[in-house]
Each structure stands twice: as C-alpha cells, then as structure tokens.
Amino acid sequence: MLSSREKILISATECFFQHGYATANISMVARYAEISRVTIHKQFRSKETLFRAVVEKYIADNNILLNEYRLSSEDFWTETETFILKRCDGLFEEVSSSLIRTDLLHAGQSYCQDIISENELKVREIISTRIINEVKNKRMTLKKINITVEEFARVIETAPFGLALSSTEEDNQAFVKHLMKVFKASTQG
C-alpha cells in the first residue's frame, strides 16, 4: 500500500509529464491521486515545492543507476550508453511532447537548479573516474580530441539532454547510441 506522499508524487509526476509544469496544478494532482487538495497542501506548500519533490525523487531513482554504473567494471561504452539511456528515460519516453519537455526543463532550471547542479557534479565525477580508469588501462585516449577528462565527462553527461529541447520527433534513443559510437571512435587509441 502506497503512502499518501508516494501517491501524490506518482500522480504529480504523471501530471507534469503529461501536461507540463505551466499547466499542471495542485487540483489536477489531487484528481489524479484521488487525494484532497488540503492533504497535498499539508505535505507540499506549493506547486513549486511539489515539483522540487518530484525532481528529487526522479534524481534519487536515477542515483540507484548511478551507483550501479560507478561500481561496474564492464565495458565503459556499453555501460555508459546504458546508463545515459536509462537516465534519459523520463525525458524521451514518458513526456508526451517536445514542448512539454522544454517546459519541464525550464521549470527545472528555474526551481531546481541547486538540486540539478549537485546531481550533475556527482554524475560527472563518476564518469570522470571511469574515464580515468579507461585511460590508465589504455582502453581510451583523449589525445586525439585534445580534451580533459573533466571536459569529456561533461560532454558525455550533458549532450544527450540537449535532445530534450529538440522539437523533432526523431528516435532520440537511436541518436544517443550514435553519439556514443562517435565518442568511442574518437577516443580509441
């Protein structure tokens, strides 16, 4: 049995992903969750607070993937592609349109920048550690592309999220896979 908080967060996620931040509201979430607005307001002071909680939950769920990625010693590129694709799932598959993705990204930047920045740094540090290991074991070189480990980790971490802003309805997962192939080819010794 789900707690009221879990029901609210699941319903809020659904509302935000279907309707965007600008359109979704506490009343809509209450209808989706079949919980009173008063109950929601007791736990979350505002739509912004609720949105921050949704983002925090999304990041916490993805940090399970991050920990698995950090601990893995499997093929760097296979693991990195899988990690990035799983991390982008909400942006690519659950959000119904590019306009809503853009709205959610804007809301995230407006209301959750501190949460997002902290998580980005954590992800980049872990990707950097994996890159350092690849370079040390001579499975990767950054000499051809003349970039630092930290810069390359940032490119790997951020590039796929640019797709979320794209207005095209292309297969974004295929694009990420192609991007990883380009990264891999450019760093082979």
C-alpha atoms as a PDB file:
ATOM      1  CA  MET A   1       0.000   0.000   0.000  1.00  0.00           C
ATOM      2  CA  LEU A   2       1.405   3.356  -1.043  1.00  0.00           C
ATOM      3  CA  SER A   3       1.624   6.236   1.398  1.00  0.00           C
ATOM      4  CA  SER A   4      -0.244   9.413   0.534  1.00  0.00           C
ATOM      5  CA  ARG A   5       3.111  11.102  -0.203  1.00  0.00           C
ATOM      6  CA  GLU A   6       4.054   8.345  -2.680  1.00  0.00           C
ATOM      7  CA  LYS A   7       0.627   8.567  -4.354  1.00  0.00           C
ATOM      8  CA  ILE A   8       0.972  12.329  -4.613  1.00  0.00           C
ATOM      9  CA  LEU A   9       4.478  12.136  -6.108  1.00  0.00           C
ATOM     10  CA  ILE A  10       3.464   9.458  -8.627  1.00  0.00           C
ATOM     11  CA  SER A  11       0.397  11.461  -9.642  1.00  0.00           C
ATOM     12  CA  ALA A  12       2.335  14.742  -9.769  1.00  0.00           C
ATOM     13  CA  THR A  13       4.956  13.138 -11.999  1.00  0.00           C
ATOM     14  CA  GLU A  14       2.218  11.902 -14.309  1.00  0.00           C
ATOM     15  CA  CYS A  15       0.577  15.350 -14.393  1.00  0.00           C
ATOM     16  CA  PHE A  16       3.826  17.206 -15.038  1.00  0.00           C
ATOM     17  CA  PHE A  17       4.948  14.721 -17.712  1.00  0.00           C
ATOM     18  CA  GLN A  18       1.565  14.802 -19.482  1.00  0.00           C
ATOM     19  CA  HIS A  19       0.687  18.472 -19.136  1.00  0.00           C
ATOM     20  CA  GLY A  20       3.901  20.324 -18.311  1.00  0.00           C
ATOM     21  CA  TYR A  21       4.758  22.467 -15.337  1.00  0.00           C
ATOM     22  CA  ALA A  22       2.834  25.536 -16.523  1.00  0.00           C
ATOM     23  CA  THR A  23      -0.457  23.670 -16.989  1.00  0.00           C
ATOM     24  CA  ALA A  24      -0.343  21.185 -14.107  1.00  0.00           C
ATOM     25  CA  ASN A  25      -1.653  22.373 -10.750  1.00  0.00           C
ATOM     26  CA  ILE A  26      -2.442  21.054  -7.274  1.00  0.00           C
ATOM     27  CA  SER A  27      -6.113  20.460  -8.166  1.00  0.00           C
ATOM     28  CA  MET A  28      -5.102  18.312 -11.136  1.00  0.00           C
ATOM     29  CA  VAL A  29      -2.680  16.312  -8.987  1.00  0.00           C
ATOM     30  CA  ALA A  30      -5.422  15.853  -6.375  1.00  0.00           C
ATOM     31  CA  ARG A  31      -7.755  14.416  -9.031  1.00  0.00           C
ATOM     32  CA  TYR A  32      -5.055  12.071 -10.374  1.00  0.00           C
ATOM     33  CA  ALA A  33      -4.082  10.914  -6.866  1.00  0.00           C
ATOM     34  CA  GLU A  34      -7.673  10.785  -5.606  1.00  0.00           C
ATOM     35  CA  ILE A  35      -6.471  12.736  -2.572  1.00  0.00           C
ATOM     36  CA  SER A  36      -7.814  16.067  -1.365  1.00  0.00           C
ATOM     37  CA  ARG A  37      -6.038  19.310  -2.201  1.00  0.00           C
ATOM     38  CA  VAL A  38      -5.837  20.013   1.532  1.00  0.00           C
ATOM     39  CA  THR A  39      -3.845  16.798   2.059  1.00  0.00           C
ATOM     40  CA  ILE A  40      -1.478  17.774  -0.734  1.00  0.00           C
ATOM     41  CA  HIS A  41      -1.063  21.298   0.652  1.00  0.00           C
ATOM     42  CA  LYS A  42      -0.264  19.878   4.095  1.00  0.00           C
ATOM     43  CA  GLN A  43       2.667  17.964   2.619  1.00  0.00           C
ATOM     44  CA  PHE A  44       3.690  20.405  -0.117  1.00  0.00           C
ATOM     45  CA  ARG A  45       3.235  24.157   0.362  1.00  0.00           C
ATOM     46  CA  SER A  46       3.031  24.957  -3.337  1.00  0.00           C
ATOM     47  CA  LYS A  47       3.239  23.590  -6.849  1.00  0.00           C
ATOM     48  CA  GLU A  48       6.910  24.603  -6.857  1.00  0.00           C
ATOM     49  CA  THR A  49       7.576  22.595  -3.673  1.00  0.00           C
ATOM     50  CA  LEU A  50       5.758  19.615  -5.169  1.00  0.00           C
ATOM     51  CA  PHE A  51       7.725  19.933  -8.401  1.00  0.00           C
ATOM     52  CA  ARG A  52      11.006  20.036  -6.455  1.00  0.00           C
ATOM     53  CA  ALA A  53       9.956  16.854  -4.634  1.00  0.00           C
ATOM     54  CA  VAL A  54       9.207  15.173  -7.982  1.00  0.00           C
ATOM     55  CA  VAL A  55      12.638  16.191  -9.298  1.00  0.00           C
ATOM     56  CA  GLU A  56      14.324  14.983  -6.093  1.00  0.00           C
ATOM     57  CA  LYS A  57      12.538  11.610  -6.386  1.00  0.00           C
ATOM     58  CA  TYR A  58      13.465  11.314 -10.063  1.00  0.00           C
ATOM     59  CA  ILE A  59      17.122  12.041  -9.230  1.00  0.00           C
ATOM     60  CA  ALA A  60      17.101   9.625  -6.283  1.00  0.00           C
ATOM     61  CA  ASP A  61      15.687   6.880  -8.524  1.00  0.00           C
ATOM     62  CA  ASN A  62      18.363   7.622 -11.119  1.00  0.00           C
ATOM     63  CA  ASN A  63      21.092   7.633  -8.487  1.00  0.00           C
ATOM     64  CA  ILE A  64      20.457   3.920  -7.992  1.00  0.00           C
ATOM     65  CA  LEU A  65      21.508   3.576 -11.643  1.00  0.00           C
ATOM     66  CA  LEU A  66      24.448   5.883 -10.984  1.00  0.00           C
ATOM     67  CA  ASN A  67      25.695   3.701  -8.149  1.00  0.00           C
ATOM     68  CA  GLU A  68      25.420   0.578 -10.327  1.00  0.00           C
ATOM     69  CA  TYR A  69      27.327   2.399 -13.082  1.00  0.00           C
ATOM     70  CA  ARG A  70      30.002   3.565 -10.615  1.00  0.00           C
ATOM     71  CA  LEU A  71      30.583   0.024  -9.340  1.00  0.00           C
ATOM     72  CA  SER A  72      30.617  -1.650 -12.736  1.00  0.00           C
ATOM     73  CA  SER A  73      33.819  -2.874 -14.322  1.00  0.00           C
ATOM     74  CA  GLU A  74      32.156  -3.910 -17.575  1.00  0.00           C
ATOM     75  CA  ASP A  75      32.826  -2.278 -20.972  1.00  0.00           C
ATOM     76  CA  PHE A  76      32.884   1.504 -20.474  1.00  0.00           C
ATOM     77  CA  TRP A  77      30.971   2.405 -23.632  1.00  0.00           C
ATOM     78  CA  THR A  78      28.268  -0.229 -23.248  1.00  0.00           C
ATOM     79  CA  GLU A  79      27.768   0.707 -19.610  1.00  0.00           C
ATOM     80  CA  THR A  80      27.846   4.450 -20.325  1.00  0.00           C
ATOM     81  CA  GLU A  81      25.320   4.159 -23.147  1.00  0.00           C
ATOM     82  CA  THR A  82      23.006   2.053 -20.982  1.00  0.00           C
ATOM     83  CA  PHE A  83      23.366   4.457 -18.055  1.00  0.00           C
ATOM     84  CA  ILE A  84      22.700   7.576 -20.158  1.00  0.00           C
ATOM     85  CA  LEU A  85      19.697   5.988 -21.889  1.00  0.00           C
ATOM     86  CA  LYS A  86      18.156   4.869 -18.593  1.00  0.00           C
ATOM     87  CA  ARG A  87      18.862   8.279 -17.117  1.00  0.00           C
ATOM     88  CA  CYS A  88      17.056   9.937 -20.023  1.00  0.00           C
ATOM     89  CA  ASP A  89      14.031   7.619 -19.997  1.00  0.00           C
ATOM     90  CA  GLY A  90      11.688  10.184 -18.476  1.00  0.00           C
ATOM     91  CA  LEU A  91      12.750  12.817 -20.948  1.00  0.00           C
ATOM     92  CA  PHE A  92      12.483  10.607 -24.010  1.00  0.00           C
ATOM     93  CA  GLU A  93       9.632   8.222 -23.391  1.00  0.00           C
ATOM     94  CA  GLU A  94       7.267   9.421 -20.693  1.00  0.00           C
ATOM     95  CA  VAL A  95       6.985  13.070 -21.749  1.00  0.00           C
ATOM     96  CA  SER A  96       4.402  13.421 -24.473  1.00  0.00           C
ATOM     97  CA  SER A  97       5.822  16.313 -26.494  1.00  0.00           C
ATOM     98  CA  SER A  98       8.915  18.386 -27.071  1.00  0.00           C
ATOM     99  CA  LEU A  99       7.037  21.487 -25.869  1.00  0.00           C
ATOM    100  CA  ILE A 100       6.301  19.810 -22.536  1.00  0.00           C
ATOM    101  CA  ARG A 101       9.900  18.604 -22.256  1.00  0.00           C
ATOM    102  CA  THR A 102      11.062  22.170 -22.847  1.00  0.00           C
ATOM    103  CA  ASP A 103       8.571  23.480 -20.264  1.00  0.00           C
ATOM    104  CA  LEU A 104       9.750  20.920 -17.697  1.00  0.00           C
ATOM    105  CA  LEU A 105      13.420  21.698 -18.359  1.00  0.00           C
ATOM    106  CA  HIS A 106      12.726  25.397 -17.953  1.00  0.00           C
ATOM    107  CA  ALA A 107      10.846  24.753 -14.685  1.00  0.00           C
ATOM    108  CA  GLY A 108      13.703  22.538 -13.524  1.00  0.00           C
ATOM    109  CA  GLN A 109      16.224  25.290 -14.260  1.00  0.00           C
ATOM    110  CA  SER A 110      14.002  27.874 -12.554  1.00  0.00           C
ATOM    111  CA  TYR A 111      13.020  25.965  -9.421  1.00  0.00           C
ATOM    112  CA  CYS A 112      15.505  23.112  -9.013  1.00  0.00           C
ATOM    113  CA  GLN A 113      18.843  24.447 -10.224  1.00  0.00           C
ATOM    114  CA  ASP A 114      20.550  23.635  -6.928  1.00  0.00           C
ATOM    115  CA  ILE A 115      19.322  20.028  -6.946  1.00  0.00           C
ATOM    116  CA  ILE A 116      20.167  19.541 -10.625  1.00  0.00           C
ATOM    117  CA  SER A 117      23.633  21.116 -10.363  1.00  0.00           C
ATOM    118  CA  GLU A 118      24.561  18.966  -7.383  1.00  0.00           C
ATOM    119  CA  ASN A 119      23.471  15.829  -9.237  1.00  0.00           C
ATOM    120  CA  GLU A 120      25.272  16.821 -12.449  1.00  0.00           C
ATOM    121  CA  LEU A 121      28.506  17.233 -10.500  1.00  0.00           C
ATOM    122  CA  LYS A 122      28.077  13.809  -8.908  1.00  0.00           C
ATOM    123  CA  VAL A 123      27.421  12.186 -12.299  1.00  0.00           C
ATOM    124  CA  ARG A 124      30.420  13.932 -13.912  1.00  0.00           C
ATOM    125  CA  GLU A 125      32.711  12.855 -11.074  1.00  0.00           C
ATOM    126  CA  ILE A 126      31.702   9.223 -11.522  1.00  0.00           C
ATOM    127  CA  ILE A 127      32.022   9.365 -15.311  1.00  0.00           C
ATOM    128  CA  SER A 128      35.435  11.044 -14.838  1.00  0.00           C
ATOM    129  CA  THR A 129      36.558   8.243 -12.547  1.00  0.00           C
ATOM    130  CA  ARG A 130      35.506   5.677 -15.136  1.00  0.00           C
ATOM    131  CA  ILE A 131      37.305   7.618 -17.910  1.00  0.00           C
ATOM    132  CA  ILE A 132      40.492   7.851 -15.830  1.00  0.00           C
ATOM    133  CA  ASN A 133      40.365   4.091 -15.375  1.00  0.00           C
ATOM    134  CA  GLU A 134      39.916   3.573 -19.129  1.00  0.00           C
ATOM    135  CA  VAL A 135      42.855   5.873 -19.949  1.00  0.00           C
ATOM    136  CA  LYS A 136      45.043   4.250 -17.283  1.00  0.00           C
ATOM    137  CA  ASN A 137      44.287   0.803 -18.723  1.00  0.00           C
ATOM    138  CA  LYS A 138      44.970   2.086 -22.269  1.00  0.00           C
ATOM    139  CA  ARG A 139      41.442   1.355 -23.493  1.00  0.00           C
ATOM    140  CA  MET A 140      40.861   5.043 -24.245  1.00  0.00           C
ATOM    141  CA  THR A 141      42.875   8.093 -25.220  1.00  0.00           C
ATOM    142  CA  LEU A 142      41.860  11.729 -25.122  1.00  0.00           C
ATOM    143  CA  LYS A 143      44.896  12.925 -27.100  1.00  0.00           C
ATOM    144  CA  LYS A 144      43.160  12.932 -30.499  1.00  0.00           C
ATOM    145  CA  ILE A 145      40.321  15.105 -29.264  1.00  0.00           C
ATOM    146  CA  ASN A 146      42.541  17.269 -27.023  1.00  0.00           C
ATOM    147  CA  ILE A 147      40.108  17.425 -24.123  1.00  0.00           C
ATOM    148  CA  THR A 148      40.475  16.913 -20.378  1.00  0.00           C
ATOM    149  CA  VAL A 149      38.840  14.071 -18.504  1.00  0.00           C
ATOM    150  CA  GLU A 150      36.506  16.531 -16.760  1.00  0.00           C
ATOM    151  CA  GLU A 151      35.527  18.220 -20.037  1.00  0.00           C
ATOM    152  CA  PHE A 152      34.838  14.870 -21.689  1.00  0.00           C
ATOM    153  CA  ALA A 153      32.768  13.692 -18.715  1.00  0.00           C
ATOM    154  CA  ARG A 154      30.704  16.870 -19.003  1.00  0.00           C
ATOM    155  CA  VAL A 155      30.137  16.304 -22.733  1.00  0.00           C
ATOM    156  CA  ILE A 156      29.052  12.713 -22.113  1.00  0.00           C
ATOM    157  CA  GLU A 157      26.748  13.751 -19.268  1.00  0.00           C
ATOM    158  CA  THR A 158      25.113  16.756 -20.930  1.00  0.00           C
ATOM    159  CA  ALA A 159      24.989  16.073 -24.678  1.00  0.00           C
ATOM    160  CA  PRO A 160      22.034  13.652 -24.621  1.00  0.00           C
ATOM    161  CA  PHE A 161      19.922  16.095 -22.616  1.00  0.00           C
ATOM    162  CA  GLY A 162      20.103  18.585 -25.455  1.00  0.00           C
ATOM    163  CA  LEU A 163      17.785  16.210 -27.270  1.00  0.00           C
ATOM    164  CA  ALA A 164      15.102  17.010 -24.735  1.00  0.00           C
ATOM    165  CA  LEU A 165      14.985  20.534 -26.155  1.00  0.00           C
ATOM    166  CA  SER A 166      14.717  19.272 -29.705  1.00  0.00           C
ATOM    167  CA  SER A 167      11.467  19.990 -31.496  1.00  0.00           C
ATOM    168  CA  THR A 168      11.923  16.998 -33.765  1.00  0.00           C
ATOM    169  CA  GLU A 169      10.137  13.764 -33.041  1.00  0.00           C
ATOM    170  CA  GLU A 170      13.089  11.606 -34.066  1.00  0.00           C
ATOM    171  CA  ASP A 171      14.216   8.466 -32.303  1.00  0.00           C
ATOM    172  CA  ASN A 172      16.243  10.097 -29.546  1.00  0.00           C
ATOM    173  CA  GLN A 173      17.479   6.788 -28.150  1.00  0.00           C
ATOM    174  CA  ALA A 174      18.976   5.885 -31.529  1.00  0.00           C
ATOM    175  CA  PHE A 175      20.614   9.306 -31.613  1.00  0.00           C
ATOM    176  CA  VAL A 176      22.206   8.721 -28.178  1.00  0.00           C
ATOM    177  CA  LYS A 177      23.500   5.345 -29.384  1.00  0.00           C
ATOM    178  CA  HIS A 178      25.041   7.007 -32.455  1.00  0.00           C
ATOM    179  CA  LEU A 179      26.538   9.721 -30.265  1.00  0.00           C
ATOM    180  CA  MET A 180      28.183   7.102 -28.046  1.00  0.00           C
ATOM    181  CA  LYS A 181      29.635   5.409 -31.147  1.00  0.00           C
ATOM    182  CA  VAL A 182      31.159   8.731 -32.237  1.00  0.00           C
ATOM    183  CA  PHE A 183      32.601   9.292 -28.752  1.00  0.00           C
ATOM    184  CA  LYS A 184      34.029   5.783 -28.705  1.00  0.00           C
ATOM    185  CA  ALA A 185      35.575   6.079 -32.187  1.00  0.00           C
ATOM    186  CA  SER A 186      37.139   9.447 -31.336  1.00  0.00           C
ATOM    187  CA  THR A 187      38.828   8.072 -28.202  1.00  0.00           C
ATOM    188  CA  GLN A 188      40.208   4.795 -29.492  1.00  0.00           C
ATOM    189  CA  GLY A 189      43.990   4.510 -29.333  1.00  0.00           C
END
